[in-house]
Amino acid sequence: MSDGHALSRAIDAVIAFTAAWDAHDLEATLDLVTDDCVFESARPDAMGTRIVGRAALRDAWKAGFANPAGEFEVEDTIVAGDRVVQLWRFVSDDRVVRGVDVLRVRDGLVAEKFGYVKV
C-alpha cells in the first residue's frame, strides 16, 4: 500500500466515523471501530478513563448517543500516517468547549480515540 493510499484510508475512516457520531448512530459508529478499540474521553470529569473494546464502548457511549447535549463542529483535520487529529468545538445551549481528538486507524477502522479538552 502506498503512503498516499494509507493517508486516504485513514481520513476516509475518520470521516465515516465522525459522520456516524454526528448522526448519533451508535451502531454505525461501533461498526467503524476495531474490536479492541481504545477510547479516552475528552470530558474533564472522566479523569482519563480508558475504555477498551466494542462492548465496553457501547456501554460507555449509549447514554450520550441517546440524549445528545450538543453538537460537535470539526474545525480542522490533520492526517499523519495512520493518525488523524481533529480540532473541534462542542456547542450546546449553555457552553462552548474546544478540544482535540487524536485517532489511530488500523485496517480501515478506528483503533484509538483519545480526546483532550481546553478547560
N, C-alpha and C. Protein backbone atom coordinates (compact mmCIF):
# COMPACT_ATOMS: atom_id res chain seq x y z
N MET A 1 0.85 -1.17 0.00
CA MET A 1 0.00 0.00 0.00
C MET A 1 0.90 1.23 0.00
N SER A 2 0.60 2.18 -0.86
CA SER A 2 1.40 3.40 -0.92
C SER A 2 1.04 4.31 0.24
N ASP A 3 1.94 5.25 0.56
CA ASP A 3 1.67 6.20 1.64
C ASP A 3 0.41 7.03 1.35
N GLY A 4 0.23 7.43 0.10
CA GLY A 4 -0.95 8.20 -0.27
C GLY A 4 -2.23 7.42 -0.03
N HIS A 5 -2.20 6.14 -0.35
CA HIS A 5 -3.37 5.28 -0.13
C HIS A 5 -3.65 5.12 1.37
N ALA A 6 -2.60 4.97 2.16
CA ALA A 6 -2.77 4.83 3.61
C ALA A 6 -3.37 6.10 4.21
N LEU A 7 -2.89 7.26 3.76
CA LEU A 7 -3.44 8.53 4.26
C LEU A 7 -4.90 8.67 3.89
N SER A 8 -5.23 8.32 2.63
CA SER A 8 -6.61 8.39 2.18
C SER A 8 -7.50 7.45 2.97
N ARG A 9 -7.00 6.26 3.24
CA ARG A 9 -7.78 5.28 4.00
C ARG A 9 -8.00 5.76 5.43
N ALA A 10 -6.99 6.38 6.02
CA ALA A 10 -7.12 6.89 7.39
C ALA A 10 -8.16 8.01 7.45
N ILE A 11 -8.08 8.96 6.55
CA ILE A 11 -9.03 10.08 6.58
C ILE A 11 -10.43 9.60 6.22
N ASP A 12 -10.56 8.67 5.29
CA ASP A 12 -11.88 8.14 4.94
C ASP A 12 -12.53 7.46 6.14
N ALA A 13 -11.74 6.70 6.89
CA ALA A 13 -12.26 6.01 8.08
C ALA A 13 -12.74 7.02 9.12
N VAL A 14 -11.97 8.06 9.34
CA VAL A 14 -12.33 9.06 10.35
C VAL A 14 -13.53 9.89 9.90
N ILE A 15 -13.61 10.21 8.62
CA ILE A 15 -14.77 10.95 8.11
C ILE A 15 -16.04 10.13 8.32
N ALA A 16 -15.99 8.84 8.01
CA ALA A 16 -17.17 7.98 8.20
C ALA A 16 -17.52 7.87 9.68
N PHE A 17 -16.50 7.70 10.53
CA PHE A 17 -16.71 7.61 11.98
C PHE A 17 -17.34 8.89 12.52
N THR A 18 -16.81 10.03 12.11
CA THR A 18 -17.33 11.32 12.56
C THR A 18 -18.77 11.53 12.10
N ALA A 19 -19.08 11.13 10.88
CA ALA A 19 -20.44 11.28 10.37
C ALA A 19 -21.42 10.42 11.18
N ALA A 20 -21.03 9.19 11.49
CA ALA A 20 -21.89 8.32 12.30
C ALA A 20 -22.06 8.89 13.70
N TRP A 21 -20.97 9.39 14.27
CA TRP A 21 -21.02 10.01 15.61
C TRP A 21 -21.96 11.21 15.60
N ASP A 22 -21.79 12.09 14.60
CA ASP A 22 -22.62 13.29 14.49
C ASP A 22 -24.10 12.96 14.28
N ALA A 23 -24.38 11.82 13.64
CA ALA A 23 -25.76 11.39 13.41
C ALA A 23 -26.34 10.71 14.66
N HIS A 24 -25.52 10.58 15.70
CA HIS A 24 -25.94 9.92 16.94
C HIS A 24 -26.39 8.49 16.68
N ASP A 25 -25.68 7.83 15.75
CA ASP A 25 -25.99 6.45 15.38
C ASP A 25 -24.95 5.54 16.04
N LEU A 26 -25.28 5.03 17.20
CA LEU A 26 -24.34 4.24 17.99
C LEU A 26 -23.87 3.01 17.24
N GLU A 27 -24.78 2.26 16.66
CA GLU A 27 -24.38 1.02 15.99
C GLU A 27 -23.50 1.29 14.77
N ALA A 28 -23.81 2.33 14.01
CA ALA A 28 -22.96 2.68 12.86
C ALA A 28 -21.58 3.11 13.33
N THR A 29 -21.53 3.85 14.44
CA THR A 29 -20.25 4.28 14.99
C THR A 29 -19.43 3.07 15.43
N LEU A 30 -20.07 2.15 16.12
CA LEU A 30 -19.37 0.95 16.59
C LEU A 30 -18.91 0.06 15.44
N ASP A 31 -19.63 0.07 14.33
CA ASP A 31 -19.20 -0.70 13.15
C ASP A 31 -17.91 -0.17 12.56
N LEU A 32 -17.53 1.06 12.93
CA LEU A 32 -16.35 1.70 12.36
C LEU A 32 -15.15 1.69 13.29
N VAL A 33 -15.23 0.89 14.38
CA VAL A 33 -14.10 0.75 15.30
C VAL A 33 -13.64 -0.70 15.33
N THR A 34 -12.37 -0.89 15.68
CA THR A 34 -11.84 -2.25 15.82
C THR A 34 -12.43 -2.92 17.06
N ASP A 35 -12.37 -4.24 17.09
CA ASP A 35 -12.86 -4.99 18.26
C ASP A 35 -12.16 -4.57 19.54
N ASP A 36 -10.90 -4.16 19.42
CA ASP A 36 -10.09 -3.80 20.60
C ASP A 36 -9.85 -2.29 20.70
N CYS A 37 -10.74 -1.50 20.11
CA CYS A 37 -10.59 -0.05 20.10
C CYS A 37 -10.41 0.49 21.53
N VAL A 38 -9.52 1.48 21.66
CA VAL A 38 -9.24 2.13 22.94
C VAL A 38 -9.76 3.55 22.87
N PHE A 39 -10.52 3.95 23.90
CA PHE A 39 -11.12 5.28 23.95
C PHE A 39 -10.77 5.93 25.28
N GLU A 40 -10.31 7.17 25.21
CA GLU A 40 -10.13 8.00 26.40
C GLU A 40 -10.91 9.28 26.15
N SER A 41 -11.87 9.55 27.03
CA SER A 41 -12.79 10.66 26.85
C SER A 41 -12.12 12.02 27.00
N ALA A 42 -12.65 12.98 26.27
CA ALA A 42 -12.19 14.37 26.39
C ALA A 42 -12.86 15.07 27.57
N ARG A 43 -13.89 14.47 28.13
CA ARG A 43 -14.63 15.12 29.22
C ARG A 43 -13.73 15.28 30.45
N PRO A 44 -13.65 16.48 30.98
CA PRO A 44 -12.79 16.71 32.15
C PRO A 44 -13.18 15.86 33.35
N ASP A 45 -14.46 15.54 33.49
CA ASP A 45 -14.88 14.73 34.64
C ASP A 45 -14.59 13.25 34.45
N ALA A 46 -14.14 12.85 33.27
CA ALA A 46 -13.83 11.43 33.02
C ALA A 46 -12.47 11.04 33.58
N MET A 47 -11.63 12.01 33.90
CA MET A 47 -10.33 11.77 34.54
C MET A 47 -9.47 10.75 33.79
N GLY A 48 -9.50 10.79 32.46
CA GLY A 48 -8.65 9.91 31.68
C GLY A 48 -9.07 8.46 31.69
N THR A 49 -10.34 8.21 31.98
CA THR A 49 -10.85 6.83 31.98
C THR A 49 -10.58 6.19 30.63
N ARG A 50 -10.03 5.00 30.67
CA ARG A 50 -9.68 4.25 29.46
C ARG A 50 -10.71 3.15 29.27
N ILE A 51 -11.32 3.12 28.10
CA ILE A 51 -12.33 2.12 27.78
C ILE A 51 -11.80 1.32 26.60
N VAL A 52 -11.85 0.00 26.72
CA VAL A 52 -11.28 -0.86 25.68
C VAL A 52 -12.32 -1.87 25.21
N GLY A 53 -12.48 -1.95 23.89
CA GLY A 53 -13.36 -2.95 23.29
C GLY A 53 -14.72 -2.42 22.92
N ARG A 54 -15.26 -3.01 21.86
CA ARG A 54 -16.53 -2.56 21.30
C ARG A 54 -17.68 -2.66 22.29
N ALA A 55 -17.76 -3.74 23.06
CA ALA A 55 -18.86 -3.90 24.03
C ALA A 55 -18.78 -2.83 25.12
N ALA A 56 -17.57 -2.56 25.61
CA ALA A 56 -17.39 -1.53 26.64
C ALA A 56 -17.70 -0.15 26.07
N LEU A 57 -17.35 0.09 24.81
CA LEU A 57 -17.67 1.37 24.18
C LEU A 57 -19.17 1.55 24.06
N ARG A 58 -19.88 0.48 23.68
CA ARG A 58 -21.34 0.56 23.58
C ARG A 58 -21.92 1.01 24.91
N ASP A 59 -21.49 0.39 25.99
CA ASP A 59 -21.99 0.74 27.33
C ASP A 59 -21.65 2.19 27.68
N ALA A 60 -20.43 2.61 27.38
CA ALA A 60 -19.98 3.96 27.74
C ALA A 60 -20.67 5.03 26.91
N TRP A 61 -20.95 4.76 25.66
CA TRP A 61 -21.49 5.77 24.75
C TRP A 61 -23.02 5.77 24.68
N LYS A 62 -23.67 4.72 25.15
CA LYS A 62 -25.12 4.56 24.96
C LYS A 62 -25.93 5.77 25.42
N ALA A 63 -25.70 6.24 26.63
CA ALA A 63 -26.49 7.36 27.17
C ALA A 63 -26.25 8.64 26.37
N GLY A 64 -25.01 8.93 26.03
CA GLY A 64 -24.70 10.14 25.28
C GLY A 64 -25.29 10.15 23.88
N PHE A 65 -25.32 8.99 23.25
CA PHE A 65 -25.90 8.91 21.91
C PHE A 65 -27.42 9.03 21.97
N ALA A 66 -28.03 8.52 23.05
CA ALA A 66 -29.49 8.57 23.19
C ALA A 66 -29.98 9.97 23.53
N ASN A 67 -29.16 10.73 24.27
CA ASN A 67 -29.57 12.06 24.71
C ASN A 67 -28.45 13.07 24.46
N PRO A 68 -28.19 13.38 23.21
CA PRO A 68 -27.10 14.32 22.92
C PRO A 68 -27.37 15.69 23.53
N ALA A 69 -26.35 16.24 24.17
CA ALA A 69 -26.49 17.53 24.86
C ALA A 69 -26.01 18.69 24.00
N GLY A 70 -25.51 18.43 22.82
CA GLY A 70 -24.98 19.48 21.96
C GLY A 70 -24.44 18.87 20.68
N GLU A 71 -23.71 19.66 19.94
CA GLU A 71 -23.16 19.23 18.66
C GLU A 71 -21.67 19.51 18.58
N PHE A 72 -20.94 18.59 17.94
CA PHE A 72 -19.53 18.80 17.66
C PHE A 72 -19.38 19.44 16.30
N GLU A 73 -18.48 20.40 16.21
CA GLU A 73 -18.15 21.05 14.94
C GLU A 73 -16.66 20.84 14.71
N VAL A 74 -16.30 20.05 13.71
CA VAL A 74 -14.90 19.83 13.38
C VAL A 74 -14.37 21.09 12.70
N GLU A 75 -13.29 21.63 13.26
CA GLU A 75 -12.71 22.87 12.72
C GLU A 75 -11.54 22.59 11.78
N ASP A 76 -10.81 21.51 12.04
CA ASP A 76 -9.66 21.19 11.20
C ASP A 76 -9.34 19.71 11.37
N THR A 77 -8.80 19.11 10.32
CA THR A 77 -8.40 17.71 10.34
C THR A 77 -7.00 17.61 9.78
N ILE A 78 -6.13 16.93 10.51
CA ILE A 78 -4.73 16.78 10.12
C ILE A 78 -4.41 15.29 10.08
N VAL A 79 -3.84 14.83 8.98
CA VAL A 79 -3.54 13.42 8.80
C VAL A 79 -2.03 13.24 8.81
N ALA A 80 -1.57 12.27 9.60
CA ALA A 80 -0.14 11.93 9.66
C ALA A 80 -0.03 10.41 9.76
N GLY A 81 0.16 9.78 8.62
CA GLY A 81 0.26 8.32 8.61
C GLY A 81 -1.07 7.70 9.01
N ASP A 82 -1.04 6.84 10.04
CA ASP A 82 -2.27 6.18 10.49
C ASP A 82 -2.99 6.97 11.57
N ARG A 83 -2.50 8.18 11.86
CA ARG A 83 -3.14 9.04 12.86
C ARG A 83 -3.87 10.19 12.18
N VAL A 84 -5.01 10.52 12.78
CA VAL A 84 -5.79 11.67 12.32
C VAL A 84 -6.08 12.52 13.55
N VAL A 85 -5.79 13.80 13.45
CA VAL A 85 -6.04 14.74 14.54
C VAL A 85 -7.18 15.64 14.10
N GLN A 86 -8.19 15.75 14.95
CA GLN A 86 -9.30 16.65 14.66
C GLN A 86 -9.41 17.69 15.76
N LEU A 87 -9.41 18.95 15.36
CA LEU A 87 -9.68 20.06 16.27
C LEU A 87 -11.16 20.33 16.17
N TRP A 88 -11.84 20.46 17.31
CA TRP A 88 -13.28 20.61 17.31
C TRP A 88 -13.76 21.57 18.38
N ARG A 89 -15.03 21.96 18.19
CA ARG A 89 -15.76 22.73 19.20
C ARG A 89 -17.02 21.95 19.52
N PHE A 90 -17.36 21.87 20.80
CA PHE A 90 -18.62 21.29 21.24
C PHE A 90 -19.51 22.44 21.64
N VAL A 91 -20.67 22.56 21.00
CA VAL A 91 -21.56 23.67 21.22
C VAL A 91 -22.89 23.14 21.77
N SER A 92 -23.28 23.67 22.92
CA SER A 92 -24.58 23.36 23.50
C SER A 92 -25.26 24.67 23.87
N ASP A 93 -26.44 24.58 24.43
CA ASP A 93 -27.19 25.79 24.78
C ASP A 93 -26.45 26.69 25.76
N ASP A 94 -25.68 26.09 26.65
CA ASP A 94 -25.08 26.89 27.71
C ASP A 94 -23.55 26.97 27.68
N ARG A 95 -22.90 26.38 26.67
CA ARG A 95 -21.44 26.44 26.66
C ARG A 95 -20.85 26.09 25.30
N VAL A 96 -19.60 26.49 25.17
CA VAL A 96 -18.79 26.11 24.02
C VAL A 96 -17.46 25.60 24.59
N VAL A 97 -17.05 24.41 24.16
CA VAL A 97 -15.81 23.81 24.63
C VAL A 97 -14.97 23.47 23.42
N ARG A 98 -13.69 23.79 23.48
CA ARG A 98 -12.75 23.42 22.41
C ARG A 98 -11.99 22.18 22.83
N GLY A 99 -11.70 21.33 21.83
CA GLY A 99 -10.96 20.11 22.13
C GLY A 99 -10.25 19.57 20.91
N VAL A 100 -9.53 18.48 21.14
CA VAL A 100 -8.77 17.79 20.10
C VAL A 100 -8.97 16.29 20.30
N ASP A 101 -9.19 15.58 19.21
CA ASP A 101 -9.19 14.13 19.23
C ASP A 101 -8.00 13.65 18.42
N VAL A 102 -7.30 12.66 18.97
CA VAL A 102 -6.21 12.01 18.25
C VAL A 102 -6.67 10.57 18.02
N LEU A 103 -6.84 10.24 16.75
CA LEU A 103 -7.35 8.92 16.39
C LEU A 103 -6.28 8.14 15.64
N ARG A 104 -6.27 6.83 15.83
CA ARG A 104 -5.39 5.94 15.07
C ARG A 104 -6.28 4.99 14.29
N VAL A 105 -5.95 4.80 13.02
CA VAL A 105 -6.72 3.93 12.14
C VAL A 105 -5.90 2.69 11.83
N ARG A 106 -6.57 1.53 11.92
CA ARG A 106 -5.93 0.26 11.58
C ARG A 106 -6.90 -0.54 10.71
N ASP A 107 -6.43 -0.97 9.57
CA ASP A 107 -7.25 -1.77 8.64
C ASP A 107 -8.57 -1.07 8.30
N GLY A 108 -8.54 0.25 8.17
CA GLY A 108 -9.72 1.00 7.76
C GLY A 108 -10.72 1.26 8.86
N LEU A 109 -10.36 0.95 10.12
CA LEU A 109 -11.24 1.18 11.26
C LEU A 109 -10.52 1.99 12.33
N VAL A 110 -11.28 2.72 13.14
CA VAL A 110 -10.70 3.49 14.22
C VAL A 110 -10.27 2.52 15.33
N ALA A 111 -8.99 2.56 15.68
CA ALA A 111 -8.44 1.67 16.72
C ALA A 111 -8.18 2.41 18.02
N GLU A 112 -8.04 3.74 17.96
CA GLU A 112 -7.84 4.57 19.15
C GLU A 112 -8.53 5.90 18.95
N LYS A 113 -9.12 6.40 20.03
CA LYS A 113 -9.71 7.74 20.01
C LYS A 113 -9.40 8.36 21.37
N PHE A 114 -8.43 9.26 21.39
CA PHE A 114 -8.03 9.94 22.62
C PHE A 114 -8.47 11.38 22.53
N GLY A 115 -9.26 11.84 23.49
CA GLY A 115 -9.78 13.18 23.48
C GLY A 115 -9.12 14.06 24.52
N TYR A 116 -8.94 15.32 24.16
CA TYR A 116 -8.33 16.32 25.05
C TYR A 116 -9.15 17.59 24.93
N VAL A 117 -9.42 18.26 26.06
CA VAL A 117 -10.19 19.50 26.04
C VAL A 117 -9.42 20.63 26.66
N LYS A 118 -9.81 21.83 26.25
CA LYS A 118 -9.31 23.05 26.85
C LYS A 118 -10.32 23.47 27.90
N VAL A 119 -9.89 23.50 29.15
CA VAL A 119 -10.82 23.89 30.23
C VAL A 119 -10.36 25.18 30.88
